[in-house]
Amino acid sequence: MIITTSANKNEALVEKALSLSCKYGIEYYARQGNSIEYLLKTVDPQIFVVNNMRGLSYYSEGAREAFYHPNMAAHRIANLRKGYPDSMAAACKLEPGMSFFDGTLGLGADALAASYAVGESGEILAVEKSFPIYLLVAEGLKFYAKQHPEWASTIKRIKIKNTDNLNSMRQCQEQSFDVVYFDFMFTQPITNSSGIQSIRNLASYDALMQEHIHEARRITRERIVVKTNRDGLKELAKFGFIIEKENTRRSFYYAVLEIH
């Protein structure tokens, strides 16, 4: 894994690439006019590229460019600002001041919607197991906030960690969050989002296990919410989850386990 700059580099881009190299322990490689295809074949099969258009992009052999963009999060937050409901926020019963643990960050759409819903006094902790996705989103959110200052406070509330969600929960104190939320990647995609498609080969495909629920019960004060498809409903019902929300058009559900 290396980090470099776009072909039309400047001093600022080189400085940014060197800074990220030091921060995340990724080897810096001078672009020297070489194409990404050439670097992938001869230098390293995983490349981060600092650029002016995306902020940070990621390339791997045989895959298209991956980068951060809020995608549906922008539409969801726009609706929340207008007072329209958000299905995830409604299933989680989010209110201002609440704390929210997102065990499956992905591209951060749910974390962003949750951050807006809990407001200035709220708290968001989001974890992502895949390092490429973690880095794209962590740095991409910062880049997006600079371009869109109206998003800055919503983004700033989100604390992101690159770790396994089970390990992260084990390190949390009892009843440290109001809501614990999971949206594991579905093996069969239920969305046509170009953003999701660009990270599918980078994502972790861990499945919900009994230990997830055990740890989630320990660290939440209010409820556990799991986004699932039809295949997961029976298993979640065994643990006492109730289906609160359903999107019939896209065939996913929100399963809720109230702690009290």
Protein backbone atom coordinates (compact mmCIF):
# COMPACT_ATOMS: atom_id res chain seq x y z
CA MET A 1 0.00 0.00 0.00
CA ILE A 2 1.42 3.40 -1.04
CA ILE A 3 0.26 6.99 -1.20
CA THR A 4 1.08 9.42 -4.00
CA THR A 5 -0.34 12.51 -5.70
CA SER A 6 -2.33 13.18 -8.83
CA ALA A 7 -0.33 13.66 -12.05
CA ASN A 8 -0.78 17.45 -11.93
CA LYS A 9 0.85 17.66 -8.53
CA ASN A 10 1.83 20.82 -6.70
CA GLU A 11 3.64 21.55 -3.46
CA ALA A 12 0.42 21.50 -1.42
CA LEU A 13 -0.55 18.04 -2.71
CA VAL A 14 2.92 16.62 -2.02
CA GLU A 15 2.84 18.09 1.48
CA LYS A 16 -0.60 16.58 2.10
CA ALA A 17 0.50 13.15 0.83
CA LEU A 18 3.59 13.23 3.05
CA SER A 19 1.45 14.25 6.04
CA LEU A 20 -0.98 11.36 5.48
CA SER A 21 1.96 9.00 4.94
CA CYS A 22 3.33 9.91 8.35
CA LYS A 23 -0.06 9.91 10.10
CA TYR A 24 -1.22 6.52 8.83
CA GLY A 25 2.07 4.73 8.25
CA ILE A 26 1.65 4.42 4.46
CA GLU A 27 4.74 4.62 2.27
CA TYR A 28 4.92 7.78 0.16
CA TYR A 29 5.85 7.25 -3.49
CA ALA A 30 6.68 10.15 -5.82
CA ARG A 31 4.39 10.04 -8.87
CA GLN A 32 7.17 10.94 -11.37
CA GLY A 33 4.70 11.15 -14.24
CA ASN A 34 3.75 7.48 -14.07
CA SER A 35 0.16 6.38 -14.69
CA ILE A 36 -1.91 4.74 -11.97
CA GLU A 37 -2.11 1.60 -14.11
CA TYR A 38 1.68 1.43 -14.28
CA LEU A 39 2.06 1.95 -10.53
CA LEU A 40 -0.52 -0.73 -9.77
CA LYS A 41 1.33 -3.26 -11.92
CA THR A 42 4.91 -2.43 -10.98
CA VAL A 43 4.93 -0.78 -7.55
CA ASP A 44 1.93 -1.75 -5.39
CA PRO A 45 -1.57 -3.17 -5.97
CA GLN A 46 -3.14 -0.64 -3.57
CA ILE A 47 -2.69 3.09 -4.07
CA PHE A 48 -4.08 6.18 -2.34
CA VAL A 49 -3.93 9.32 -4.48
CA VAL A 50 -4.13 12.84 -3.02
CA ASN A 51 -5.82 15.18 -5.49
CA ASN A 52 -7.71 18.45 -5.72
CA MET A 53 -11.01 17.07 -7.01
CA ARG A 54 -11.75 14.26 -4.51
CA GLY A 55 -9.31 15.06 -1.75
CA LEU A 56 -8.27 11.41 -1.61
CA SER A 57 -8.89 8.52 -4.01
CA TYR A 58 -8.09 4.82 -3.78
CA TYR A 59 -7.17 2.39 -6.56
CA SER A 60 -6.59 -1.35 -6.55
CA GLU A 61 -5.90 -3.79 -9.36
CA GLY A 62 -8.98 -4.51 -11.44
CA ALA A 63 -11.20 -2.03 -9.56
CA ARG A 64 -12.40 1.45 -10.41
CA GLU A 65 -11.54 4.57 -8.44
CA ALA A 66 -13.04 4.72 -4.95
CA PHE A 67 -13.54 8.01 -3.14
CA TYR A 68 -15.76 9.62 -0.54
CA HIS A 69 -19.01 11.40 -1.36
CA PRO A 70 -22.03 11.81 0.94
CA ASN A 71 -24.36 10.37 -1.73
CA MET A 72 -27.80 9.81 -0.16
CA ALA A 73 -26.71 11.41 3.12
CA ALA A 74 -27.03 14.85 1.51
CA HIS A 75 -30.64 14.11 0.50
CA ARG A 76 -31.45 12.61 3.91
CA ILE A 77 -30.09 15.58 5.85
CA ALA A 78 -31.85 18.00 3.53
CA ASN A 79 -35.10 16.21 4.37
CA LEU A 80 -34.34 16.28 8.09
CA ARG A 81 -33.75 20.03 7.87
CA LYS A 82 -37.19 20.40 6.30
CA GLY A 83 -38.73 18.39 9.12
CA TYR A 84 -39.30 15.21 7.12
CA PRO A 85 -38.68 11.88 8.88
CA ASP A 86 -35.65 9.66 8.27
CA SER A 87 -36.41 5.93 8.51
CA MET A 88 -33.15 5.05 10.30
CA ALA A 89 -33.40 7.95 12.76
CA ALA A 90 -37.04 7.04 13.41
CA ALA A 91 -36.24 3.35 14.02
CA CYS A 92 -33.48 4.39 16.44
CA LYS A 93 -35.80 7.00 18.05
CA LEU A 94 -32.99 9.53 17.94
CA GLU A 95 -33.45 12.77 19.81
CA PRO A 96 -31.17 15.76 20.53
CA GLY A 97 -28.48 14.95 23.07
CA MET A 98 -28.43 11.19 22.52
CA SER A 99 -25.29 9.08 22.00
CA PHE A 100 -25.07 6.73 19.00
CA PHE A 101 -22.68 3.86 18.31
CA ASP A 102 -22.43 2.98 14.62
CA GLY A 103 -20.74 -0.41 14.34
CA THR A 104 -20.61 -0.40 10.54
CA LEU A 105 -19.57 3.04 9.23
CA GLY A 106 -19.28 2.27 5.51
CA LEU A 107 -19.57 5.57 3.63
CA GLY A 108 -21.01 7.22 6.72
CA ALA A 109 -24.54 8.05 5.52
CA ASP A 110 -26.19 6.69 8.67
CA ALA A 111 -23.59 8.30 10.95
CA LEU A 112 -24.21 11.67 9.27
CA ALA A 113 -27.98 11.38 9.55
CA ALA A 114 -27.61 10.32 13.18
CA SER A 115 -25.26 13.21 13.91
CA TYR A 116 -27.74 15.70 12.53
CA ALA A 117 -30.57 14.09 14.50
CA VAL A 118 -28.77 14.14 17.87
CA GLY A 119 -27.62 17.72 17.40
CA GLU A 120 -24.88 19.77 19.04
CA SER A 121 -25.19 18.04 22.42
CA GLY A 122 -25.17 14.55 20.89
CA GLU A 123 -22.31 12.08 20.45
CA ILE A 124 -21.46 9.75 17.57
CA LEU A 125 -18.86 6.98 17.58
CA ALA A 126 -18.52 5.10 14.28
CA VAL A 127 -16.17 2.19 13.62
CA GLU A 128 -15.01 0.75 10.31
CA LYS A 129 -12.99 -2.46 9.99
CA SER A 130 -11.75 -1.90 6.42
CA PHE A 131 -8.72 0.39 6.48
CA PRO A 132 -9.17 1.74 2.91
CA ILE A 133 -12.81 2.65 3.61
CA TYR A 134 -11.92 4.12 7.00
CA LEU A 135 -9.23 6.34 5.51
CA LEU A 136 -11.34 7.46 2.53
CA VAL A 137 -14.24 8.43 4.79
CA ALA A 138 -12.21 9.96 7.64
CA GLU A 139 -10.24 12.19 5.29
CA GLY A 140 -13.11 12.63 2.84
CA LEU A 141 -15.40 14.04 5.52
CA LYS A 142 -12.76 16.63 6.43
CA PHE A 143 -12.35 17.57 2.77
CA TYR A 144 -16.12 17.82 2.27
CA ALA A 145 -16.56 19.97 5.38
CA LYS A 146 -14.06 22.51 4.02
CA GLN A 147 -15.99 22.73 0.76
CA HIS A 148 -19.40 22.79 2.48
CA PRO A 149 -19.13 24.71 5.79
CA GLU A 150 -22.82 24.09 6.53
CA TRP A 151 -21.88 20.43 7.09
CA ALA A 152 -18.96 21.19 9.41
CA SER A 153 -20.74 20.84 12.78
CA THR A 154 -22.54 17.64 11.72
CA ILE A 155 -19.27 16.09 10.55
CA LYS A 156 -17.24 17.28 13.53
CA ARG A 157 -19.46 15.34 15.96
CA ILE A 158 -18.57 12.01 14.34
CA LYS A 159 -15.61 10.25 15.94
CA ILE A 160 -14.31 7.50 13.63
CA LYS A 161 -12.14 4.53 14.57
CA ASN A 162 -10.50 1.90 12.36
CA THR A 163 -11.27 -1.23 14.33
CA ASP A 164 -13.44 -4.32 14.51
CA ASN A 165 -16.83 -3.48 16.02
CA LEU A 166 -16.68 -6.33 18.55
CA ASN A 167 -13.29 -5.21 19.83
CA SER A 168 -14.52 -1.64 20.01
CA MET A 169 -17.61 -2.57 22.02
CA ARG A 170 -15.54 -4.68 24.42
CA GLN A 171 -13.58 -1.55 25.28
CA CYS A 172 -16.71 0.49 26.01
CA GLN A 173 -18.12 0.88 29.49
CA GLU A 174 -21.55 -0.49 30.34
CA GLN A 175 -24.49 1.65 29.22
CA SER A 176 -22.21 4.15 27.50
CA PHE A 177 -24.51 4.73 24.48
CA ASP A 178 -28.22 5.32 24.04
CA VAL A 179 -28.35 3.44 20.72
CA VAL A 180 -26.16 0.78 19.11
CA TYR A 181 -26.65 0.40 15.36
CA PHE A 182 -25.45 -2.14 12.78
CA ASP A 183 -25.78 -2.20 9.00
CA PHE A 184 -23.65 -5.10 7.84
CA MET A 185 -22.92 -5.32 4.11
CA PHE A 186 -25.44 -7.53 2.32
CA THR A 187 -23.97 -10.22 0.10
CA GLN A 188 -26.68 -9.38 -2.44
CA PRO A 189 -26.72 -5.60 -2.95
CA ILE A 190 -30.02 -3.81 -2.39
CA THR A 191 -28.95 -0.44 -3.76
CA ASN A 192 -27.82 0.97 -7.07
CA SER A 193 -25.73 3.64 -5.37
CA SER A 194 -22.51 4.15 -7.31
CA GLY A 195 -20.79 5.05 -4.04
CA ILE A 196 -21.65 1.71 -2.45
CA GLN A 197 -20.64 -0.20 -5.57
CA SER A 198 -17.22 1.46 -5.56
CA ILE A 199 -16.41 0.12 -2.07
CA ARG A 200 -17.98 -3.34 -2.23
CA ASN A 201 -14.63 -4.99 -2.96
CA LEU A 202 -13.06 -3.14 0.00
CA ALA A 203 -15.76 -3.84 2.57
CA SER A 204 -15.73 -6.32 5.40
CA TYR A 205 -18.46 -8.94 5.04
CA ASP A 206 -18.65 -9.90 8.72
CA ALA A 207 -22.07 -11.11 9.80
CA LEU A 208 -24.06 -10.34 12.92
CA MET A 209 -23.28 -12.87 15.64
CA GLN A 210 -24.70 -13.53 19.08
CA GLU A 211 -21.64 -11.90 20.61
CA HIS A 212 -22.46 -8.64 18.80
CA ILE A 213 -25.86 -8.61 20.47
CA HIS A 214 -24.39 -9.57 23.84
CA GLU A 215 -21.89 -6.69 23.76
CA ALA A 216 -24.43 -4.27 22.32
CA ARG A 217 -26.85 -5.06 25.16
CA ARG A 218 -24.07 -4.36 27.64
CA ILE A 219 -23.11 -0.93 26.28
CA THR A 220 -26.52 0.51 25.37
CA ARG A 221 -29.05 2.22 27.60
CA GLU A 222 -32.00 2.26 25.22
CA ARG A 223 -32.00 0.03 22.13
CA ILE A 224 -30.14 -1.95 19.49
CA VAL A 225 -31.11 -1.42 15.86
CA VAL A 226 -30.06 -3.65 12.97
CA LYS A 227 -30.67 -2.95 9.31
CA THR A 228 -31.30 -6.25 7.56
CA ASN A 229 -32.80 -7.90 4.51
CA ARG A 230 -35.50 -10.55 4.53
CA ASP A 231 -32.97 -13.35 5.05
CA GLY A 232 -31.99 -11.95 8.46
CA LEU A 233 -35.45 -11.53 9.93
CA LYS A 234 -35.91 -15.01 11.42
CA GLU A 235 -32.51 -14.98 13.13
CA LEU A 236 -33.12 -11.54 14.64
CA ALA A 237 -36.57 -12.60 15.83
CA LYS A 238 -34.90 -15.35 17.88
CA PHE A 239 -33.11 -12.64 19.86
CA GLY A 240 -36.30 -10.73 20.53
CA PHE A 241 -35.99 -8.05 17.83
CA ILE A 242 -39.16 -6.45 16.51
CA ILE A 243 -39.47 -5.13 12.96
CA GLU A 244 -40.14 -1.43 13.36
CA LYS A 245 -39.57 -0.09 9.85
CA GLU A 246 -39.75 -1.64 6.43
CA ASN A 247 -38.81 -0.31 3.00
CA THR A 248 -40.77 -2.58 0.69
CA ARG A 249 -39.43 -1.01 -2.49
CA ARG A 250 -35.81 -1.79 -1.62
CA SER A 251 -36.55 -4.83 0.57
CA PHE A 252 -34.72 -3.90 3.76
CA TYR A 253 -35.92 -3.73 7.33
CA TYR A 254 -34.98 -2.15 10.65
CA ALA A 255 -35.07 -4.64 13.51
CA VAL A 256 -35.24 -3.11 16.99
CA LEU A 257 -34.45 -4.58 20.39
CA GLU A 258 -35.59 -2.37 23.26
CA ILE A 259 -33.40 -2.89 26.32
CA HIS A 260 -36.07 -1.87 28.83
